């Protein structure tokens, strides 16, 4: 497919991995997804980028604190990051990294959504989901989408569904479409204009009934693969872990994996 050269405001446009061992992680994901890696930029703390078919798909950097687990972060595009970060605070979220300009590339911020009240939902710790915002200049996000080797979907598993469906439209400017609202299954989507329900680019799932108490709300990233079963098998061969084995769903064959350092990402089989 042709490279994507821009994204609408309010949608997820970039993902990156904070890794304990970036060089070994680059080898792991390169072998798994067929990704190549650009040279680390020492002026940017060793940050590098993954490419697939010579198109940008993700970022990779060394973990900044030993107290923070390895994790994949999702970034949403904003036309005004200063105003967006203020809105995050107004809406009950927290700002971890205030707007920081990456010369010539754009401006980033790392924030956390409101999360649940501590002690609610069966003892959840109250931590919200961490994610980022990106105001682009030259760097306009991933250049492939919805194909093998590229991001396909983004999904929030939240311990406070009601807060999440209030917070994210305010923070991203995107409309929420509720697909199910029962005690058994609560699910909504952040949708693009002129798309039907069920065709949104990011989901919000109520996880309060099944997330372990020690697991906070979190965003998951789905990467497209041609064969979920073969990819899952390869994960084990490369030293990673299959957290949820490939399963057929109405949205394709899905799986959850972990790299050898604990960062989780999901697989979505695509045509």
Protein backbone atom coordinates (compact mmCIF):
# COMPACT_ATOMS: atom_id res chain seq x y z
CA UNK A 1 0.00 0.00 0.00
CA UNK A 2 1.14 3.61 -0.53
CA UNK A 3 2.78 5.31 2.42
CA UNK A 4 0.50 7.39 4.64
CA UNK A 5 1.75 10.97 4.72
CA UNK A 6 -0.71 12.47 7.22
CA UNK A 7 -3.33 11.54 9.81
CA UNK A 8 -6.50 13.22 11.07
CA UNK A 9 -6.24 15.01 14.40
CA UNK A 10 -7.40 13.00 17.40
CA UNK A 11 -6.37 9.54 16.16
CA UNK A 12 -3.48 7.33 17.20
CA UNK A 13 -0.52 8.14 14.92
CA UNK A 14 2.58 6.67 16.56
CA UNK A 15 3.71 3.86 18.84
CA UNK A 16 7.01 3.32 20.57
CA UNK A 17 8.67 0.86 22.89
CA UNK A 18 10.57 1.80 26.04
CA UNK A 19 12.96 -1.10 26.43
CA UNK A 20 15.44 -2.42 28.98
CA UNK A 21 17.61 -3.70 26.12
CA UNK A 22 16.85 -1.76 22.92
CA UNK A 23 19.45 -3.55 20.79
CA UNK A 24 18.14 -7.01 21.68
CA UNK A 25 14.54 -5.79 21.40
CA UNK A 26 15.30 -4.52 17.90
CA UNK A 27 16.49 -8.00 16.96
CA UNK A 28 13.42 -9.63 18.51
CA UNK A 29 10.87 -7.44 16.71
CA UNK A 30 12.91 -7.41 13.53
CA UNK A 31 12.82 -11.19 13.40
CA UNK A 32 9.16 -11.33 14.42
CA UNK A 33 7.61 -8.65 12.18
CA UNK A 34 10.25 -8.17 9.48
CA UNK A 35 11.09 -4.71 10.81
CA UNK A 36 14.33 -2.87 10.17
CA UNK A 37 15.81 -0.32 12.55
CA UNK A 38 17.29 3.10 11.89
CA UNK A 39 20.55 4.12 13.56
CA UNK A 40 20.00 5.22 17.18
CA UNK A 41 20.19 9.00 17.59
CA UNK A 42 22.52 9.67 20.50
CA UNK A 43 21.33 13.30 20.68
CA UNK A 44 17.87 11.86 21.33
CA UNK A 45 19.04 9.48 24.05
CA UNK A 46 19.56 6.57 21.69
CA UNK A 47 16.05 6.72 20.18
CA UNK A 48 15.62 4.89 16.89
CA UNK A 49 12.76 3.92 14.61
CA UNK A 50 11.41 0.71 13.15
CA UNK A 51 10.63 0.61 9.44
CA UNK A 52 8.78 -1.95 7.34
CA UNK A 53 9.24 -1.90 3.57
CA UNK A 54 11.19 1.35 4.11
CA UNK A 55 8.21 3.03 5.77
CA UNK A 56 8.05 4.16 9.40
CA UNK A 57 5.95 2.00 11.70
CA UNK A 58 7.18 2.49 15.31
CA UNK A 59 9.82 3.90 17.63
CA UNK A 60 12.28 2.33 20.07
CA UNK A 61 14.12 3.90 22.96
CA UNK A 62 15.93 2.92 26.15
CA UNK A 63 13.79 2.82 29.27
CA UNK A 64 14.23 6.03 31.27
CA UNK A 65 13.72 4.58 34.75
CA UNK A 66 14.42 1.13 36.21
CA UNK A 67 11.19 1.45 38.21
CA UNK A 68 9.05 1.57 35.07
CA UNK A 69 8.31 -1.68 33.20
CA UNK A 70 9.07 -2.07 29.52
CA UNK A 71 5.97 -1.01 27.62
CA UNK A 72 4.53 0.07 24.28
CA UNK A 73 3.09 3.61 24.27
CA UNK A 74 0.34 4.90 21.96
CA UNK A 75 0.41 8.55 20.81
CA UNK A 76 -2.61 10.52 19.60
CA UNK A 77 -2.24 13.43 17.19
CA UNK A 78 -3.20 16.91 18.31
CA UNK A 79 -3.02 20.25 16.48
CA UNK A 80 -2.30 22.12 19.74
CA UNK A 81 -0.45 20.08 22.34
CA UNK A 82 -0.37 22.84 24.96
CA UNK A 83 -4.16 23.15 24.88
CA UNK A 84 -4.58 19.36 24.83
CA UNK A 85 -2.40 18.86 27.90
CA UNK A 86 -4.39 21.52 29.75
CA UNK A 87 -7.56 19.67 28.78
CA UNK A 88 -6.11 16.42 30.13
CA UNK A 89 -5.62 18.07 33.54
CA UNK A 90 -9.05 19.74 33.42
CA UNK A 91 -10.63 16.35 32.67
CA UNK A 92 -9.01 14.64 35.64
CA UNK A 93 -5.91 13.19 34.00
CA UNK A 94 -2.26 13.65 34.94
CA UNK A 95 0.73 14.94 32.97
CA UNK A 96 3.89 12.82 33.26
CA UNK A 97 6.02 14.54 30.60
CA UNK A 98 4.91 18.10 29.70
CA UNK A 99 5.12 19.16 26.07
CA UNK A 100 8.68 18.64 24.83
CA UNK A 101 9.77 19.70 21.37
CA UNK A 102 11.75 17.28 19.23
CA UNK A 103 13.60 19.72 16.96
CA UNK A 104 12.17 19.70 13.47
CA UNK A 105 10.04 16.61 14.14
CA UNK A 106 7.19 17.72 16.42
CA UNK A 107 6.22 18.01 20.08
CA UNK A 108 5.40 15.16 22.43
CA UNK A 109 3.78 14.78 25.85
CA UNK A 110 3.09 11.76 28.07
CA UNK A 111 -0.09 11.74 30.15
CA UNK A 112 -2.31 9.41 32.16
CA UNK A 113 -6.09 9.15 32.09
CA UNK A 114 -8.10 9.49 35.35
CA UNK A 115 -8.24 5.76 36.12
CA UNK A 116 -10.50 4.35 38.83
CA UNK A 117 -10.90 5.41 42.44
CA UNK A 118 -8.35 3.53 44.59
CA UNK A 119 -10.02 0.56 46.24
CA UNK A 120 -12.89 0.48 43.77
CA UNK A 121 -13.56 -2.30 41.28
CA UNK A 122 -12.39 -5.12 43.51
CA UNK A 123 -9.34 -3.37 44.91
CA UNK A 124 -7.80 -1.73 41.81
CA UNK A 125 -4.90 0.54 42.55
CA UNK A 126 -6.47 3.56 40.89
CA UNK A 127 -3.73 3.97 38.28
CA UNK A 128 -4.95 5.17 34.93
CA UNK A 129 -3.66 4.31 31.47
CA UNK A 130 -0.47 6.01 30.28
CA UNK A 131 -0.38 7.30 26.71
CA UNK A 132 1.02 10.15 24.67
CA UNK A 133 0.14 13.07 22.42
CA UNK A 134 2.04 14.19 19.35
CA UNK A 135 1.84 17.53 17.54
CA UNK A 136 3.51 16.81 14.20
CA UNK A 137 5.89 18.83 12.12
CA UNK A 138 8.14 16.79 9.81
CA UNK A 139 7.38 13.51 11.60
CA UNK A 140 3.79 12.67 10.76
CA UNK A 141 3.47 9.28 12.41
CA UNK A 142 3.48 5.72 11.13
CA UNK A 143 3.33 5.39 7.36
CA UNK A 144 1.62 1.99 7.16
CA UNK A 145 -1.69 0.98 8.72
CA UNK A 146 -4.00 -2.05 8.68
CA UNK A 147 -1.58 -4.41 6.98
CA UNK A 148 0.98 -7.03 7.93
CA UNK A 149 3.88 -5.47 9.83
CA UNK A 150 1.95 -2.32 10.73
CA UNK A 151 -0.34 -1.06 13.50
CA UNK A 152 -3.96 -2.13 12.98
CA UNK A 153 -5.98 -1.14 16.05
CA UNK A 154 -5.69 0.40 19.51
CA UNK A 155 -7.66 -0.68 22.56
CA UNK A 156 -7.98 0.65 26.09
CA UNK A 157 -8.70 -1.85 28.85
CA UNK A 158 -10.01 0.34 31.64
CA UNK A 159 -10.94 -0.15 35.29
CA UNK A 160 -13.37 2.80 35.07
CA UNK A 161 -15.39 2.69 31.87
CA UNK A 162 -17.60 5.67 32.73
CA UNK A 163 -14.61 7.95 33.34
CA UNK A 164 -12.91 6.77 30.17
CA UNK A 165 -15.85 7.46 27.88
CA UNK A 166 -16.06 10.97 29.33
CA UNK A 167 -12.32 11.64 29.27
CA UNK A 168 -11.21 10.54 25.80
CA UNK A 169 -13.66 12.58 23.69
CA UNK A 170 -12.64 15.67 25.68
CA UNK A 171 -8.93 14.87 25.33
CA UNK A 172 -8.87 13.76 21.67
CA UNK A 173 -11.82 15.61 20.18
CA UNK A 174 -13.21 12.35 18.79
CA UNK A 175 -16.77 11.11 19.22
CA UNK A 176 -17.52 8.05 21.33
CA UNK A 177 -19.84 5.39 19.90
CA UNK A 178 -21.09 2.87 22.48
CA UNK A 179 -21.41 -0.62 21.00
CA UNK A 180 -22.45 -2.47 24.17
CA UNK A 181 -23.36 -1.32 27.67
CA UNK A 182 -24.29 -4.31 29.82
CA UNK A 183 -22.76 -5.70 32.99
CA UNK A 184 -21.39 -8.58 30.93
CA UNK A 185 -19.78 -6.46 28.21
CA UNK A 186 -19.19 -2.73 27.95
CA UNK A 187 -17.42 -1.51 24.83
CA UNK A 188 -17.16 1.81 23.02
CA UNK A 189 -15.10 3.18 20.16
CA UNK A 190 -13.46 6.46 19.28
CA UNK A 191 -14.69 6.95 15.74
CA UNK A 192 -13.75 8.95 12.71
CA UNK A 193 -16.32 11.09 10.87
CA UNK A 194 -18.51 9.26 8.36
CA UNK A 195 -17.75 5.79 9.71
CA UNK A 196 -20.33 3.30 10.86
CA UNK A 197 -20.41 1.95 14.45
CA UNK A 198 -17.93 -0.89 14.71
CA UNK A 199 -15.55 0.82 12.29
CA UNK A 200 -13.77 3.05 14.78
CA UNK A 201 -10.00 3.16 15.01
CA UNK A 202 -9.73 2.62 18.78
CA UNK A 203 -11.77 0.73 21.36
CA UNK A 204 -12.52 1.24 25.04
CA UNK A 205 -13.34 -1.95 26.97
CA UNK A 206 -14.57 -2.24 30.55
CA UNK A 207 -12.01 -4.46 32.28
CA UNK A 208 -13.13 -3.87 35.85
CA UNK A 209 -14.68 -7.30 36.11
CA UNK A 210 -11.62 -9.32 35.11
CA UNK A 211 -8.42 -7.27 35.33
CA UNK A 212 -6.29 -8.41 38.28
CA UNK A 213 -6.20 -5.87 41.10
CA UNK A 214 -2.51 -5.16 40.52
CA UNK A 215 -2.95 -4.43 36.78
CA UNK A 216 -3.81 -0.81 35.94
CA UNK A 217 -5.79 0.41 32.97
CA UNK A 218 -3.67 0.27 29.83
CA UNK A 219 -3.68 0.77 26.07
CA UNK A 220 -3.00 -2.23 23.85
CA UNK A 221 -1.61 -2.07 20.31
CA UNK A 222 -2.49 -4.57 17.59
CA UNK A 223 0.13 -5.34 14.93
CA UNK A 224 -0.95 -6.97 11.69
CA UNK A 225 0.48 -10.37 10.79
CA UNK A 226 -0.16 -12.67 7.85
CA UNK A 227 -0.42 -15.79 10.05
CA UNK A 228 -1.15 -15.36 13.77
CA UNK A 229 -0.35 -19.00 14.61
CA UNK A 230 3.00 -19.00 12.84
CA UNK A 231 3.92 -15.66 14.42
CA UNK A 232 2.95 -16.89 17.89
CA UNK A 233 5.13 -19.95 17.40
CA UNK A 234 8.01 -17.71 16.37
CA UNK A 235 7.56 -15.64 19.54
CA UNK A 236 8.50 -18.65 21.67
CA UNK A 237 11.46 -19.47 19.45
CA UNK A 238 12.76 -15.92 19.95
CA UNK A 239 12.46 -16.06 23.74
CA UNK A 240 9.14 -14.28 24.13
CA UNK A 241 5.90 -15.53 25.64
CA UNK A 242 2.45 -16.17 24.15
CA UNK A 243 0.13 -14.63 26.75
CA UNK A 244 -3.13 -15.41 24.91
CA UNK A 245 -2.97 -18.03 22.17
CA UNK A 246 -4.38 -17.18 18.72
CA UNK A 247 -8.18 -17.23 18.79
CA UNK A 248 -10.81 -16.59 16.14
CA UNK A 249 -12.99 -13.55 16.87
CA UNK A 250 -15.47 -11.46 14.86
CA UNK A 251 -12.53 -9.11 14.24
CA UNK A 252 -10.11 -11.72 12.97
CA UNK A 253 -7.67 -14.14 14.55
CA UNK A 254 -6.08 -12.40 17.56
CA UNK A 255 -3.34 -13.18 20.07
CA UNK A 256 -1.41 -11.44 22.85
CA UNK A 257 2.35 -11.81 23.18
CA UNK A 258 5.12 -10.55 25.42
CA UNK A 259 8.70 -9.84 24.41
CA UNK A 260 11.49 -11.31 26.58
CA UNK A 261 11.50 -8.18 28.80
CA UNK A 262 7.79 -8.14 29.55
CA UNK A 263 6.38 -5.61 27.06
CA UNK A 264 3.08 -6.89 25.66
CA UNK A 265 1.64 -6.32 22.21
CA UNK A 266 -1.23 -7.96 20.32
CA UNK A 267 -1.35 -9.75 16.97
CA UNK A 268 -4.16 -9.36 14.46
CA UNK A 269 -4.21 -11.64 11.42
CA UNK A 270 -4.88 -9.57 8.32
CA UNK A 271 -5.56 -10.63 4.73
